[in-house]
Every structure is written in C-alpha cells, then in structure tokens.
C-alpha cells in the first residue's frame, strides 16, 4: 500500500491555481520598450480593460499580435509624454487622482466579506422589491452602419427609402425581405451586433445608439441617422427578445448581486466617513462656508 509522506503535495485549489498563474504572469516578461518592462500580466490587464466589443474583435493570432503592437505604441507615447513633462500637467494629475480613487473603491469593495449574505436576506430582498423588479430587459439584435459624415448617411437613407417600394413589393413576405437585407449588409460588410440590452450600453455598443434602437419597435426597417459622440450611424433591428420575468433561480442570483452592491456601497460610505472624521479640513473661502456640514460623518 502506498503511503503519502509529508513531502507529498496537496491538491491545488482553483483559487490557489488562479493566484499562481497570476503571479507567474506578473513575472513573465514579454517585451522591453526602451528599457520599460511589459509583462504578460500587463498585456492581459490592458486587454481586459477594453470594452467587450473590442475584445471580441481581436480574433486569432493576427488580431492578438496587432493588439500587442498597439500596446507597444501606447507605451512609447506614454514615455514621450513623460519626457516632455506632461506628467505634471494638471489634467494628467487629475486623471491620475481619479484612477487612484477608482482603484481604492475597487479594493474597498473586494475587502467586503460576502459570506455574511444569508438566504433569508435574499428572500427578504426579493419580497421587498417585488416580482416586477426581477425581469429581463428587452434585448435586440441589430446591424449598425457608422460614418463620420452625416450627409453620407442621409444619402444612403434617402436611397433606401426611395427604393424600398421596389425592393419590397406587396407580394414579398418579411422573411424574403430579411434575406435581401442580410445580403446587402454582407455586401457592405456591416457588423452584426449580437443580442444586447440596455445593460450593454458603452460596453458592446455606444449608449446613444443602443438607447435609440431600444425605443424602436420595427424590425428590418432602416433607422437614423442618429448622433453619437462625434460620429453618426444608421441601424436596423434584425431580431428581438421581449422583456420577460426571471426564473426563481435568476431572481435569487440577481438579489444576491444587489445585496453585494449594497454591502459594497456601505463599505465605501464608511470609508468616506472615517476619512472625513480623521481629516484636518479648513475652509478659507467664505462662499464655501457650511460645506463641511454636507460631508458624511456619522
């Protein structure tokens, strides 16, 4: 019979393996840019910080290498900015402060003990919020045609409206019409956005486009152009998933997440109160008299 002595290694837990891989990635150097190290962890963290639609656009080795090239370029630009003294620019200093506060908020949230959330608390939260709170929002699938010139999109929309009657005669059913439009989008190489809801705003799709699309009921009808940022877009909804109630298990999962957010919010508020209470703050501008009374203390 085999006997495992003290030297036998214990099985590695998933958490331990994740931590080990993270440590190894932090140690594994993938490049030197003017003497500045880029580690595998730096590359993974940079990619993870990108919106999901950018992450999904990085396909295969070629896409990954192209993104790494962008990271090298970004590093060179940052080095040049530091060399020109821009690190002392007030806007840069303020952006750094914002990043530090965001990192502190994340750390504060991560330190919250989530094991204290009980099943009874989850049940009470569901009861308090009511079933109408626990629903899946409407999701839509759409294609988007962006362009920096509004007039260009207006001409496309006008041509579409003029030719629509000929393209979709009365005896042509919606399925056949959809096939024609799909061929047109493929010809124009217009990207097809998967099912999205308002929860995906600014990650999978710009908020302005998504909000306008979610207000649209018609399928397979060209809409726009609409403004978003410094550009414009036409869009067409190709499929939808209406709002519908969550299952009991989904309700419990959502309730747990909301309770976690409440606990994390309370931790952040407690941190602010403690910092204010311990701080030495002097208001010198008479116009700001009474401002301290507005700060969280108790």
Foldseek 3Di string as FASTA:
>chain_A
DDDDDPPDDDDADPVRVVVVVLVVQVVAFDDAQVNDTDTSNNLVVVLVPAFPQLNVVQDDPVSSVVVVVVVSVVVVVVVVCVVVVVCPPPVNVVVVVVVVVVVVLVVLLVPFDLVVDDPVNLVVLCVVVDQVVAKDAKWFKKWKDKDLDQVVVVVVLVVCVVCVCVLAPPVRDPVNLLVVVVVVCVVVVTDIQPIDACVSDPRRHPNQVRVVVSVDDDAPDWDDQDDDDSITMIMGTHDMDHMDTDDPVSSSVVSSVVVSVVSSVVSVLVVQQVCLQPDDDDDDDPVCPPVSVVGRHD
